[in-house]
Amino acid sequence: MTSSNLSQADVVQLCYENVTKSCIKTPYSSGSRVILYTVLGFGSLLAVFGNFLVMTSVLHFKQLHSPANFLIASLACADFLVGVTVMPFSMVRSVESCWYFGASFCALHSCCDAAFCYSSLFHLCFISIDRYIAVTDPLVYPTKFTVSVSGICISISWVLPVVYSGAVFYTGASDDGMEELVSALNCIGGCQIVVNQDWVLIDFLLFFLPTLVMIILYSKIFIVAKQQAIKIENAGSKAESESYKARVAKRERKAAKTLGITVIAFMISWLPYTIDTLIDAYMGFITPAYIYEICCWCAYYNSAINPLIYALFYPWFRKAIKVILSGGLFKNSSSTISLFSE
């Protein structure tokens, strides 16, 4: 055994030692691994507990039972599931550079990843439609966006992504024409789903079109909101009905602003990953592994950001958190507590 062979053995590490066709492992140093596990684990915990608090708040407190808030709770459910079923396993894959959870779970994990993330996007798109109606016609809004309409939007936001993701990852259609690359990547300890150019383009359109709808609607929302603010300033003192209309319009504008920030955060988080996968498919998969992982985790972290946005901009959410964490949730009539200052 020569010294060169020993040094080569030290350099090359496998995901599964003494296993034929094991993937090559590219480990980080111990310090880097601790930092990565801390940062990525914190994101996963924040996504789980933050979104659990959002769901609990909306579903428990009767004052929050509204069509718009049901959409927010359903969005939080999608982000919660990303934190539970996707992020912990992706964390191990990212830090260890190996997949230790089996080939079958790899497909399920990838399917859940796509389904829950597209579900978040669809929810945000429907929320933007809801906010547009609320701001442009706040007094008629309750008759237009009812609980049943909200239920239809929620159903679409779950069914379509799940069906689409199942079709992509369980029919084998996504890797048609990529058999050589699939064979080359087929090693034990890997979880790399290959998607051909056609499906990558469909993925991009599924991201781009709802995002375009949201940009157009929120642009219109802020134009209308600005016009309403000018009218209210110029109107001065009016009848009680007019002042009520002004208060309703102000409340809806504030809600639209908060959810607009949520949409912007989603686009900033997901744009790098979406652009990278599109370019990668047409440029022969040239993206270095660490760049791809950074893009993935920027997208995953979006599921942890939304509860922070709500905590910053929604006083009712902060009050609900205090009640929940203090154990007030278990007291009699806690569901009827007033969470609004007005």
C-alpha atoms as a PDB file:
ATOM      1  CA  MET A   1       0.000   0.000   0.000  1.00  0.00           C
ATOM      2  CA  THR A   2       1.636   3.256  -1.106  1.00  0.00           C
ATOM      3  CA  SER A   3       1.302   6.626   0.592  1.00  0.00           C
ATOM      4  CA  SER A   4      -0.605   7.977  -2.435  1.00  0.00           C
ATOM      5  CA  ASN A   5      -3.207   5.229  -2.048  1.00  0.00           C
ATOM      6  CA  LEU A   6      -3.590   6.050   1.647  1.00  0.00           C
ATOM      7  CA  SER A   7      -4.060   9.749   0.951  1.00  0.00           C
ATOM      8  CA  GLN A   8      -6.639   8.915  -1.728  1.00  0.00           C
ATOM      9  CA  ALA A   9      -8.518   6.712   0.761  1.00  0.00           C
ATOM     10  CA  ASP A  10      -8.516   9.606   3.228  1.00  0.00           C
ATOM     11  CA  VAL A  11      -9.919  12.025   0.641  1.00  0.00           C
ATOM     12  CA  VAL A  12     -12.678   9.825  -0.789  1.00  0.00           C
ATOM     13  CA  GLN A  13     -15.456   9.118   1.697  1.00  0.00           C
ATOM     14  CA  LEU A  14     -18.580   7.167   0.875  1.00  0.00           C
ATOM     15  CA  CYS A  15     -22.111   7.541   2.203  1.00  0.00           C
ATOM     16  CA  TYR A  16     -22.135   3.803   2.894  1.00  0.00           C
ATOM     17  CA  GLU A  17     -18.714   2.261   3.473  1.00  0.00           C
ATOM     18  CA  ASN A  18     -18.141  -1.154   1.852  1.00  0.00           C
ATOM     19  CA  VAL A  19     -21.340  -0.837  -0.191  1.00  0.00           C
ATOM     20  CA  THR A  20     -21.111  -1.176  -3.957  1.00  0.00           C
ATOM     21  CA  LYS A  21     -22.333   1.909  -5.899  1.00  0.00           C
ATOM     22  CA  SER A  22     -22.393   4.068  -2.766  1.00  0.00           C
ATOM     23  CA  CYS A  23     -22.488   7.815  -3.384  1.00  0.00           C
ATOM     24  CA  ILE A  24     -19.375   9.829  -2.610  1.00  0.00           C
ATOM     25  CA  LYS A  25     -19.654  11.930   0.532  1.00  0.00           C
ATOM     26  CA  THR A  26     -18.349  15.490   0.661  1.00  0.00           C
ATOM     27  CA  PRO A  27     -18.351  16.239   4.392  1.00  0.00           C
ATOM     28  CA  TYR A  28     -18.017  19.603   6.102  1.00  0.00           C
ATOM     29  CA  SER A  29     -15.710  20.217   9.045  1.00  0.00           C
ATOM     30  CA  SER A  30     -17.107  19.625  12.533  1.00  0.00           C
ATOM     31  CA  GLY A  31     -17.466  23.363  13.213  1.00  0.00           C
ATOM     32  CA  SER A  32     -19.253  23.986   9.922  1.00  0.00           C
ATOM     33  CA  ARG A  33     -21.618  21.096  10.558  1.00  0.00           C
ATOM     34  CA  VAL A  34     -22.572  22.456  13.987  1.00  0.00           C
ATOM     35  CA  ILE A  35     -23.285  25.903  12.492  1.00  0.00           C
ATOM     36  CA  LEU A  36     -25.290  24.442   9.600  1.00  0.00           C
ATOM     37  CA  TYR A  37     -27.351  22.158  11.841  1.00  0.00           C
ATOM     38  CA  THR A  38     -28.053  25.129  14.143  1.00  0.00           C
ATOM     39  CA  VAL A  39     -29.125  27.500  11.355  1.00  0.00           C
ATOM     40  CA  LEU A  40     -31.140  24.970   9.360  1.00  0.00           C
ATOM     41  CA  GLY A  41     -32.618  23.338  12.467  1.00  0.00           C
ATOM     42  CA  PHE A  42     -33.739  26.734  13.776  1.00  0.00           C
ATOM     43  CA  GLY A  43     -35.529  27.375  10.470  1.00  0.00           C
ATOM     44  CA  SER A  44     -37.295  24.033  10.705  1.00  0.00           C
ATOM     45  CA  LEU A  45     -38.397  24.604  14.322  1.00  0.00           C
ATOM     46  CA  LEU A  46     -39.590  28.129  13.515  1.00  0.00           C
ATOM     47  CA  ALA A  47     -41.618  26.831  10.561  1.00  0.00           C
ATOM     48  CA  VAL A  48     -43.219  24.138  12.736  1.00  0.00           C
ATOM     49  CA  PHE A  49     -44.007  26.111  15.900  1.00  0.00           C
ATOM     50  CA  GLY A  50     -44.630  29.486  14.247  1.00  0.00           C
ATOM     51  CA  ASN A  51     -47.165  28.120  11.807  1.00  0.00           C
ATOM     52  CA  PHE A  52     -48.717  25.922  14.501  1.00  0.00           C
ATOM     53  CA  LEU A  53     -49.389  29.108  16.495  1.00  0.00           C
ATOM     54  CA  VAL A  54     -50.978  30.742  13.433  1.00  0.00           C
ATOM     55  CA  MET A  55     -53.263  27.747  12.824  1.00  0.00           C
ATOM     56  CA  THR A  56     -54.196  27.465  16.507  1.00  0.00           C
ATOM     57  CA  SER A  57     -54.938  31.203  16.745  1.00  0.00           C
ATOM     58  CA  VAL A  58     -57.259  31.297  13.741  1.00  0.00           C
ATOM     59  CA  LEU A  59     -59.070  28.044  14.505  1.00  0.00           C
ATOM     60  CA  HIS A  60     -59.487  28.544  18.272  1.00  0.00           C
ATOM     61  CA  PHE A  61     -60.458  32.203  18.628  1.00  0.00           C
ATOM     62  CA  LYS A  62     -63.950  32.804  17.241  1.00  0.00           C
ATOM     63  CA  GLN A  63     -63.183  36.452  16.546  1.00  0.00           C
ATOM     64  CA  LEU A  64     -60.701  35.281  13.896  1.00  0.00           C
ATOM     65  CA  HIS A  65     -63.185  33.030  12.112  1.00  0.00           C
ATOM     66  CA  SER A  66     -63.376  34.765   8.728  1.00  0.00           C
ATOM     67  CA  PRO A  67     -62.933  33.595   5.119  1.00  0.00           C
ATOM     68  CA  ALA A  68     -59.661  35.528   4.759  1.00  0.00           C
ATOM     69  CA  ASN A  69     -58.228  34.145   8.007  1.00  0.00           C
ATOM     70  CA  PHE A  70     -59.193  30.587   7.039  1.00  0.00           C
ATOM     71  CA  LEU A  71     -57.017  31.063   3.944  1.00  0.00           C
ATOM     72  CA  ILE A  72     -54.173  32.283   6.164  1.00  0.00           C
ATOM     73  CA  ALA A  73     -54.599  29.257   8.457  1.00  0.00           C
ATOM     74  CA  SER A  74     -54.516  26.908   5.459  1.00  0.00           C
ATOM     75  CA  LEU A  75     -51.384  28.657   4.168  1.00  0.00           C
ATOM     76  CA  ALA A  76     -49.839  28.171   7.621  1.00  0.00           C
ATOM     77  CA  CYS A  77     -50.764  24.467   7.416  1.00  0.00           C
ATOM     78  CA  ALA A  78     -48.814  24.129   4.144  1.00  0.00           C
ATOM     79  CA  ASP A  79     -45.801  25.883   5.688  1.00  0.00           C
ATOM     80  CA  PHE A  80     -46.164  23.757   8.841  1.00  0.00           C
ATOM     81  CA  LEU A  81     -46.008  20.581   6.740  1.00  0.00           C
ATOM     82  CA  VAL A  82     -42.884  21.869   4.973  1.00  0.00           C
ATOM     83  CA  GLY A  83     -41.316  22.268   8.427  1.00  0.00           C
ATOM     84  CA  VAL A  84     -42.370  18.773   9.531  1.00  0.00           C
ATOM     85  CA  THR A  85     -41.983  16.577   6.438  1.00  0.00           C
ATOM     86  CA  VAL A  86     -39.422  18.369   4.267  1.00  0.00           C
ATOM     87  CA  MET A  87     -36.952  20.563   6.146  1.00  0.00           C
ATOM     88  CA  PRO A  88     -35.595  18.068   8.768  1.00  0.00           C
ATOM     89  CA  PHE A  89     -34.689  15.458   6.143  1.00  0.00           C
ATOM     90  CA  SER A  90     -33.340  18.084   3.734  1.00  0.00           C
ATOM     91  CA  MET A  91     -31.216  19.399   6.598  1.00  0.00           C
ATOM     92  CA  VAL A  92     -29.502  16.021   7.041  1.00  0.00           C
ATOM     93  CA  ARG A  93     -29.051  15.698   3.261  1.00  0.00           C
ATOM     94  CA  SER A  94     -27.567  19.200   3.003  1.00  0.00           C
ATOM     95  CA  VAL A  95     -25.123  18.851   5.901  1.00  0.00           C
ATOM     96  CA  GLU A  96     -24.102  15.213   5.439  1.00  0.00           C
ATOM     97  CA  SER A  97     -24.282  15.354   1.603  1.00  0.00           C
ATOM     98  CA  CYS A  98     -25.951  11.922   1.737  1.00  0.00           C
ATOM     99  CA  TRP A  99     -29.518  10.610   1.809  1.00  0.00           C
ATOM    100  CA  TYR A 100     -29.933   8.050   4.585  1.00  0.00           C
ATOM    101  CA  PHE A 101     -33.710   7.589   4.421  1.00  0.00           C
ATOM    102  CA  GLY A 102     -34.147   5.174   1.502  1.00  0.00           C
ATOM    103  CA  ALA A 103     -35.128   5.501  -2.150  1.00  0.00           C
ATOM    104  CA  SER A 104     -38.883   5.181  -1.552  1.00  0.00           C
ATOM    105  CA  PHE A 105     -38.922   8.000   0.988  1.00  0.00           C
ATOM    106  CA  CYS A 106     -36.770  10.085  -1.373  1.00  0.00           C
ATOM    107  CA  ALA A 107     -39.613  10.108  -3.921  1.00  0.00           C
ATOM    108  CA  LEU A 108     -42.209  10.846  -1.210  1.00  0.00           C
ATOM    109  CA  HIS A 109     -40.032  13.623   0.246  1.00  0.00           C
ATOM    110  CA  SER A 110     -39.591  15.233  -3.175  1.00  0.00           C
ATOM    111  CA  CYS A 111     -43.325  14.950  -3.846  1.00  0.00           C
ATOM    112  CA  CYS A 112     -44.173  16.590  -0.484  1.00  0.00           C
ATOM    113  CA  ASP A 113     -41.571  19.283  -1.133  1.00  0.00           C
ATOM    114  CA  ALA A 114     -43.155  20.298  -4.440  1.00  0.00           C
ATOM    115  CA  ALA A 115     -46.777  19.830  -3.320  1.00  0.00           C
ATOM    116  CA  PHE A 116     -46.599  21.905  -0.127  1.00  0.00           C
ATOM    117  CA  CYS A 117     -44.525  24.667  -1.709  1.00  0.00           C
ATOM    118  CA  TYR A 118     -46.898  25.009  -4.679  1.00  0.00           C
ATOM    119  CA  SER A 119     -49.771  24.915  -2.213  1.00  0.00           C
ATOM    120  CA  SER A 120     -48.254  27.959  -0.467  1.00  0.00           C
ATOM    121  CA  LEU A 121     -48.033  29.756  -3.805  1.00  0.00           C
ATOM    122  CA  PHE A 122     -51.656  28.995  -4.707  1.00  0.00           C
ATOM    123  CA  HIS A 123     -52.813  30.148  -1.267  1.00  0.00           C
ATOM    124  CA  LEU A 124     -50.951  33.431  -1.663  1.00  0.00           C
ATOM    125  CA  CYS A 125     -52.502  33.939  -5.088  1.00  0.00           C
ATOM    126  CA  PHE A 126     -56.028  33.462  -3.724  1.00  0.00           C
ATOM    127  CA  ILE A 127     -55.208  35.713  -0.757  1.00  0.00           C
ATOM    128  CA  SER A 128     -54.187  38.472  -3.176  1.00  0.00           C
ATOM    129  CA  ILE A 129     -57.541  38.091  -4.958  1.00  0.00           C
ATOM    130  CA  ASP A 130     -59.300  38.262  -1.584  1.00  0.00           C
ATOM    131  CA  ARG A 131     -57.391  41.426  -0.620  1.00  0.00           C
ATOM    132  CA  TYR A 132     -58.115  43.038  -4.000  1.00  0.00           C
ATOM    133  CA  ILE A 133     -61.869  42.581  -3.535  1.00  0.00           C
ATOM    134  CA  ALA A 134     -61.650  43.734   0.108  1.00  0.00           C
ATOM    135  CA  VAL A 135     -59.822  46.971  -0.730  1.00  0.00           C
ATOM    136  CA  THR A 136     -61.638  47.914  -3.919  1.00  0.00           C
ATOM    137  CA  ASP A 137     -65.114  47.233  -2.523  1.00  0.00           C
ATOM    138  CA  PRO A 138     -64.874  46.815   1.283  1.00  0.00           C
ATOM    139  CA  LEU A 139     -68.593  47.102   2.058  1.00  0.00           C
ATOM    140  CA  VAL A 140     -69.732  44.541  -0.538  1.00  0.00           C
ATOM    141  CA  TYR A 141     -66.702  42.278   0.119  1.00  0.00           C
ATOM    142  CA  PRO A 142     -68.382  40.127   2.858  1.00  0.00           C
ATOM    143  CA  THR A 143     -71.071  39.040   0.381  1.00  0.00           C
ATOM    144  CA  LYS A 144     -68.547  38.250  -2.369  1.00  0.00           C
ATOM    145  CA  PHE A 145     -65.833  36.375  -0.475  1.00  0.00           C
ATOM    146  CA  THR A 146     -67.806  34.024   1.756  1.00  0.00           C
ATOM    147  CA  VAL A 147     -66.740  30.980   3.775  1.00  0.00           C
ATOM    148  CA  SER A 148     -67.828  28.681   0.930  1.00  0.00           C
ATOM    149  CA  VAL A 149     -65.751  30.669  -1.596  1.00  0.00           C
ATOM    150  CA  SER A 150     -62.790  30.493   0.803  1.00  0.00           C
ATOM    151  CA  GLY A 151     -63.338  26.722   1.079  1.00  0.00           C
ATOM    152  CA  ILE A 152     -63.231  26.341  -2.709  1.00  0.00           C
ATOM    153  CA  CYS A 153     -59.987  28.347  -2.868  1.00  0.00           C
ATOM    154  CA  ILE A 154     -58.444  26.225  -0.114  1.00  0.00           C
ATOM    155  CA  SER A 155     -59.500  22.989  -1.855  1.00  0.00           C
ATOM    156  CA  ILE A 156     -57.960  24.093  -5.167  1.00  0.00           C
ATOM    157  CA  SER A 157     -54.779  25.165  -3.353  1.00  0.00           C
ATOM    158  CA  TRP A 158     -54.353  21.651  -1.963  1.00  0.00           C
ATOM    159  CA  VAL A 159     -55.736  19.335  -4.638  1.00  0.00           C
ATOM    160  CA  LEU A 160     -53.961  20.767  -7.702  1.00  0.00           C
ATOM    161  CA  PRO A 161     -50.426  20.807  -6.199  1.00  0.00           C
ATOM    162  CA  VAL A 162     -50.797  17.294  -4.766  1.00  0.00           C
ATOM    163  CA  VAL A 163     -52.095  15.859  -8.065  1.00  0.00           C
ATOM    164  CA  TYR A 164     -49.431  17.685 -10.080  1.00  0.00           C
ATOM    165  CA  SER A 165     -46.569  16.617  -7.789  1.00  0.00           C
ATOM    166  CA  GLY A 166     -47.778  13.011  -7.805  1.00  0.00           C
ATOM    167  CA  ALA A 167     -47.873  13.068 -11.608  1.00  0.00           C
ATOM    168  CA  VAL A 168     -44.323  14.447 -11.802  1.00  0.00           C
ATOM    169  CA  PHE A 169     -42.618  12.182  -9.279  1.00  0.00           C
ATOM    170  CA  TYR A 170     -44.571   8.910  -9.451  1.00  0.00           C
ATOM    171  CA  THR A 171     -45.243   8.438 -13.186  1.00  0.00           C
ATOM    172  CA  GLY A 172     -41.627   8.856 -14.302  1.00  0.00           C
ATOM    173  CA  ALA A 173     -42.699  11.437 -16.879  1.00  0.00           C
ATOM    174  CA  SER A 174     -40.346  14.065 -15.465  1.00  0.00           C
ATOM    175  CA  ASP A 175     -37.158  12.229 -16.468  1.00  0.00           C
ATOM    176  CA  ASP A 176     -38.162  11.156 -20.001  1.00  0.00           C
ATOM    177  CA  GLY A 177     -35.152  11.529 -22.253  1.00  0.00           C
ATOM    178  CA  MET A 178     -32.806  11.811 -19.256  1.00  0.00           C
ATOM    179  CA  GLU A 179     -32.126   8.107 -18.799  1.00  0.00           C
ATOM    180  CA  GLU A 180     -28.324   8.409 -19.092  1.00  0.00           C
ATOM    181  CA  LEU A 181     -28.142  11.136 -16.475  1.00  0.00           C
ATOM    182  CA  VAL A 182     -30.494   9.222 -14.156  1.00  0.00           C
ATOM    183  CA  SER A 183     -28.276   6.150 -14.508  1.00  0.00           C
ATOM    184  CA  ALA A 184     -25.154   8.205 -13.759  1.00  0.00           C
ATOM    185  CA  LEU A 185     -26.735   9.705 -10.627  1.00  0.00           C
ATOM    186  CA  ASN A 186     -28.195   6.401  -9.451  1.00  0.00           C
ATOM    187  CA  CYS A 187     -25.992   5.652  -6.448  1.00  0.00           C
ATOM    188  CA  ILE A 188     -26.882   4.461  -2.947  1.00  0.00           C
ATOM    189  CA  GLY A 189     -27.140   7.382  -0.547  1.00  0.00           C
ATOM    190  CA  GLY A 190     -28.336   9.953  -3.057  1.00  0.00           C
ATOM    191  CA  CYS A 191     -31.695  11.674  -3.535  1.00  0.00           C
ATOM    192  CA  GLN A 192     -31.440  13.672  -6.730  1.00  0.00           C
ATOM    193  CA  ILE A 193     -34.659  13.905  -8.720  1.00  0.00           C
ATOM    194  CA  VAL A 194     -33.930  14.640 -12.373  1.00  0.00           C
ATOM    195  CA  VAL A 195     -36.518  16.765 -14.179  1.00  0.00           C
ATOM    196  CA  ASN A 196     -36.327  17.293 -17.934  1.00  0.00           C
ATOM    197  CA  GLN A 197     -36.610  20.643 -19.714  1.00  0.00           C
ATOM    198  CA  ASP A 198     -40.317  20.323 -20.498  1.00  0.00           C
ATOM    199  CA  TRP A 199     -41.297  19.775 -16.879  1.00  0.00           C
ATOM    200  CA  VAL A 200     -38.884  22.451 -15.632  1.00  0.00           C
ATOM    201  CA  LEU A 201     -40.589  24.896 -17.991  1.00  0.00           C
ATOM    202  CA  ILE A 202     -44.004  23.847 -16.640  1.00  0.00           C
ATOM    203  CA  ASP A 203     -42.664  24.317 -13.084  1.00  0.00           C
ATOM    204  CA  PHE A 204     -41.457  27.789 -14.000  1.00  0.00           C
ATOM    205  CA  LEU A 205     -44.825  28.747 -15.505  1.00  0.00           C
ATOM    206  CA  LEU A 206     -46.635  27.405 -12.429  1.00  0.00           C
ATOM    207  CA  PHE A 207     -44.497  29.766 -10.371  1.00  0.00           C
ATOM    208  CA  PHE A 208     -44.457  32.700 -12.782  1.00  0.00           C
ATOM    209  CA  LEU A 209     -48.163  32.961 -13.681  1.00  0.00           C
ATOM    210  CA  PRO A 210     -49.574  33.087 -10.103  1.00  0.00           C
ATOM    211  CA  THR A 211     -46.730  35.440  -9.163  1.00  0.00           C
ATOM    212  CA  LEU A 212     -47.632  37.711 -12.092  1.00  0.00           C
ATOM    213  CA  VAL A 213     -51.278  37.710 -10.946  1.00  0.00           C
ATOM    214  CA  MET A 214     -50.163  38.697  -7.436  1.00  0.00           C
ATOM    215  CA  ILE A 215     -47.923  41.506  -8.707  1.00  0.00           C
ATOM    216  CA  ILE A 216     -50.713  42.949 -10.882  1.00  0.00           C
ATOM    217  CA  LEU A 217     -53.343  42.717  -8.123  1.00  0.00           C
ATOM    218  CA  TYR A 218     -51.137  44.213  -5.409  1.00  0.00           C
ATOM    219  CA  SER A 219     -50.094  47.021  -7.757  1.00  0.00           C
ATOM    220  CA  LYS A 220     -53.783  47.816  -8.266  1.00  0.00           C
ATOM    221  CA  ILE A 221     -54.450  47.469  -4.536  1.00  0.00           C
ATOM    222  CA  PHE A 222     -51.863  50.082  -3.623  1.00  0.00           C
ATOM    223  CA  ILE A 223     -53.095  52.465  -6.334  1.00  0.00           C
ATOM    224  CA  VAL A 224     -56.669  52.160  -5.021  1.00  0.00           C
ATOM    225  CA  ALA A 225     -55.485  52.452  -1.407  1.00  0.00           C
ATOM    226  CA  LYS A 226     -53.633  55.667  -2.212  1.00  0.00           C
ATOM    227  CA  GLN A 227     -56.706  57.095  -3.943  1.00  0.00           C
ATOM    228  CA  GLN A 228     -58.899  56.159  -0.958  1.00  0.00           C
ATOM    229  CA  ALA A 229     -56.501  57.845   1.466  1.00  0.00           C
ATOM    230  CA  ILE A 230     -56.571  61.058  -0.591  1.00  0.00           C
ATOM    231  CA  LYS A 231     -60.380  61.017  -0.733  1.00  0.00           C
ATOM    232  CA  ILE A 232     -60.655  60.526   3.024  1.00  0.00           C
ATOM    233  CA  GLU A 233     -58.234  63.404   3.680  1.00  0.00           C
ATOM    234  CA  ASN A 234     -60.152  65.724   1.339  1.00  0.00           C
ATOM    235  CA  ALA A 235     -63.597  64.694   2.590  1.00  0.00           C
ATOM    236  CA  GLY A 236     -63.167  65.956   6.146  1.00  0.00           C
ATOM    237  CA  SER A 237     -66.013  65.161   8.556  1.00  0.00           C
ATOM    238  CA  LYS A 238     -68.845  63.145   7.035  1.00  0.00           C
ATOM    239  CA  ALA A 239     -71.852  61.203   8.160  1.00  0.00           C
ATOM    240  CA  GLU A 240     -71.418  58.189  10.441  1.00  0.00           C
ATOM    241  CA  SER A 241     -71.863  55.776   7.539  1.00  0.00           C
ATOM    242  CA  GLU A 242     -69.031  57.491   5.675  1.00  0.00           C
ATOM    243  CA  SER A 243     -66.743  57.376   8.715  1.00  0.00           C
ATOM    244  CA  TYR A 244     -67.556  53.668   9.097  1.00  0.00           C
ATOM    245  CA  LYS A 245     -66.670  53.129   5.445  1.00  0.00           C
ATOM    246  CA  ALA A 246     -63.383  54.959   6.021  1.00  0.00           C
ATOM    247  CA  ARG A 247     -62.536  52.749   9.019  1.00  0.00           C
ATOM    248  CA  VAL A 248     -63.352  49.582   7.073  1.00  0.00           C
ATOM    249  CA  ALA A 249     -61.266  50.761   4.105  1.00  0.00           C
ATOM    250  CA  LYS A 250     -58.338  51.621   6.409  1.00  0.00           C
ATOM    251  CA  ARG A 251     -58.474  48.178   8.054  1.00  0.00           C
ATOM    252  CA  GLU A 252     -58.541  46.379   4.697  1.00  0.00           C
ATOM    253  CA  ARG A 253     -55.654  48.474   3.369  1.00  0.00           C
ATOM    254  CA  LYS A 254     -53.567  47.579   6.415  1.00  0.00           C
ATOM    255  CA  ALA A 255     -54.323  43.878   5.950  1.00  0.00           C
ATOM    256  CA  ALA A 256     -53.462  44.146   2.248  1.00  0.00           C
ATOM    257  CA  LYS A 257     -50.146  45.817   3.097  1.00  0.00           C
ATOM    258  CA  THR A 258     -49.193  43.052   5.521  1.00  0.00           C
ATOM    259  CA  LEU A 259     -50.080  40.296   3.065  1.00  0.00           C
ATOM    260  CA  GLY A 260     -48.303  42.222   0.313  1.00  0.00           C
ATOM    261  CA  ILE A 261     -45.131  41.970   2.405  1.00  0.00           C
ATOM    262  CA  THR A 262     -45.794  38.228   2.720  1.00  0.00           C
ATOM    263  CA  VAL A 263     -46.018  37.933  -1.084  1.00  0.00           C
ATOM    264  CA  ILE A 264     -42.798  39.930  -1.584  1.00  0.00           C
ATOM    265  CA  ALA A 265     -41.024  37.694   0.949  1.00  0.00           C
ATOM    266  CA  PHE A 266     -42.262  34.616  -0.944  1.00  0.00           C
ATOM    267  CA  MET A 267     -40.991  35.916  -4.292  1.00  0.00           C
ATOM    268  CA  ILE A 268     -37.585  36.913  -2.891  1.00  0.00           C
ATOM    269  CA  SER A 269     -37.249  33.480  -1.236  1.00  0.00           C
ATOM    270  CA  TRP A 270     -38.316  31.431  -4.240  1.00  0.00           C
ATOM    271  CA  LEU A 271     -36.937  33.414  -7.187  1.00  0.00           C
ATOM    272  CA  PRO A 272     -33.292  32.208  -6.856  1.00  0.00           C
ATOM    273  CA  TYR A 273     -34.353  28.536  -6.772  1.00  0.00           C
ATOM    274  CA  THR A 274     -36.827  28.913  -9.648  1.00  0.00           C
ATOM    275  CA  ILE A 275     -34.352  30.736 -11.903  1.00  0.00           C
ATOM    276  CA  ASP A 276     -31.533  28.339 -10.994  1.00  0.00           C
ATOM    277  CA  THR A 277     -33.549  25.216 -11.867  1.00  0.00           C
ATOM    278  CA  LEU A 278     -34.651  26.764 -15.184  1.00  0.00           C
ATOM    279  CA  ILE A 279     -31.113  27.764 -16.183  1.00  0.00           C
ATOM    280  CA  ASP A 280     -29.682  24.472 -14.921  1.00  0.00           C
ATOM    281  CA  ALA A 281     -32.018  22.361 -17.063  1.00  0.00           C
ATOM    282  CA  TYR A 282     -31.034  24.202 -20.249  1.00  0.00           C
ATOM    283  CA  MET A 283     -27.306  24.523 -19.429  1.00  0.00           C
ATOM    284  CA  GLY A 284     -26.593  20.886 -18.596  1.00  0.00           C
ATOM    285  CA  PHE A 285     -26.914  20.965 -14.792  1.00  0.00           C
ATOM    286  CA  ILE A 286     -23.842  23.105 -14.161  1.00  0.00           C
ATOM    287  CA  THR A 287     -24.875  24.552 -10.778  1.00  0.00           C
ATOM    288  CA  PRO A 288     -22.443  23.560  -7.966  1.00  0.00           C
ATOM    289  CA  ALA A 289     -24.086  21.505  -5.213  1.00  0.00           C
ATOM    290  CA  TYR A 290     -23.580  24.161  -2.519  1.00  0.00           C
ATOM    291  CA  ILE A 291     -25.248  26.875  -4.681  1.00  0.00           C
ATOM    292  CA  TYR A 292     -28.226  24.589  -5.241  1.00  0.00           C
ATOM    293  CA  GLU A 293     -28.489  23.898  -1.495  1.00  0.00           C
ATOM    294  CA  ILE A 294     -28.411  27.648  -0.716  1.00  0.00           C
ATOM    295  CA  CYS A 295     -31.229  28.255  -3.223  1.00  0.00           C
ATOM    296  CA  CYS A 296     -33.245  25.387  -1.723  1.00  0.00           C
ATOM    297  CA  TRP A 297     -32.907  26.685   1.821  1.00  0.00           C
ATOM    298  CA  CYS A 298     -33.773  30.253   0.820  1.00  0.00           C
ATOM    299  CA  ALA A 299     -37.050  28.767  -0.450  1.00  0.00           C
ATOM    300  CA  TYR A 300     -37.561  26.552   2.615  1.00  0.00           C
ATOM    301  CA  TYR A 301     -36.951  29.450   4.984  1.00  0.00           C
ATOM    302  CA  ASN A 302     -39.964  31.227   3.518  1.00  0.00           C
ATOM    303  CA  SER A 303     -42.121  28.798   5.494  1.00  0.00           C
ATOM    304  CA  ALA A 304     -40.517  30.135   8.678  1.00  0.00           C
ATOM    305  CA  ILE A 305     -40.769  33.816   7.698  1.00  0.00           C
ATOM    306  CA  ASN A 306     -44.558  34.158   7.417  1.00  0.00           C
ATOM    307  CA  PRO A 307     -45.311  33.766  11.163  1.00  0.00           C
ATOM    308  CA  LEU A 308     -42.652  36.416  11.898  1.00  0.00           C
ATOM    309  CA  ILE A 309     -44.383  38.810   9.480  1.00  0.00           C
ATOM    310  CA  TYR A 310     -47.726  38.201  11.192  1.00  0.00           C
ATOM    311  CA  ALA A 311     -46.122  38.752  14.616  1.00  0.00           C
ATOM    312  CA  LEU A 312     -44.631  42.063  13.469  1.00  0.00           C
ATOM    313  CA  PHE A 313     -47.727  43.479  11.772  1.00  0.00           C
ATOM    314  CA  TYR A 314     -50.764  41.810  13.381  1.00  0.00           C
ATOM    315  CA  PRO A 315     -51.451  42.927  16.996  1.00  0.00           C
ATOM    316  CA  TRP A 316     -54.180  40.248  17.239  1.00  0.00           C
ATOM    317  CA  PHE A 317     -51.609  37.544  16.487  1.00  0.00           C
ATOM    318  CA  ARG A 318     -49.266  38.810  19.216  1.00  0.00           C
ATOM    319  CA  LYS A 319     -52.155  38.827  21.702  1.00  0.00           C
ATOM    320  CA  ALA A 320     -53.220  35.328  20.616  1.00  0.00           C
ATOM    321  CA  ILE A 321     -49.655  34.046  21.118  1.00  0.00           C
ATOM    322  CA  LYS A 322     -49.607  35.451  24.670  1.00  0.00           C
ATOM    323  CA  VAL A 323     -52.890  33.704  25.468  1.00  0.00           C
ATOM    324  CA  ILE A 324     -51.705  30.395  23.971  1.00  0.00           C
ATOM    325  CA  LEU A 325     -48.243  30.378  25.576  1.00  0.00           C
ATOM    326  CA  SER A 326     -49.575  31.436  28.976  1.00  0.00           C
ATOM    327  CA  GLY A 327     -51.979  28.488  29.023  1.00  0.00           C
ATOM    328  CA  GLY A 328     -55.031  30.701  28.653  1.00  0.00           C
ATOM    329  CA  LEU A 329     -56.143  28.478  25.794  1.00  0.00           C
ATOM    330  CA  PHE A 330     -57.452  25.909  28.309  1.00  0.00           C
ATOM    331  CA  LYS A 331     -59.571  28.340  30.299  1.00  0.00           C
ATOM    332  CA  ASN A 332     -63.347  28.447  29.904  1.00  0.00           C
ATOM    333  CA  SER A 333     -64.585  30.794  27.196  1.00  0.00           C
ATOM    334  CA  SER A 334     -61.025  31.482  25.991  1.00  0.00           C
ATOM    335  CA  SER A 335     -62.276  31.185  22.402  1.00  0.00           C
ATOM    336  CA  THR A 336     -64.405  34.324  22.872  1.00  0.00           C
ATOM    337  CA  ILE A 337     -61.548  36.556  24.100  1.00  0.00           C
ATOM    338  CA  SER A 338     -61.378  39.903  22.264  1.00  0.00           C
ATOM    339  CA  LEU A 339     -58.135  40.163  20.291  1.00  0.00           C
ATOM    340  CA  PHE A 340     -58.773  43.555  18.712  1.00  0.00           C
ATOM    341  CA  SER A 341     -58.170  46.911  20.347  1.00  0.00           C
ATOM    342  CA  GLU A 342     -61.050  48.564  18.470  1.00  0.00           C
END
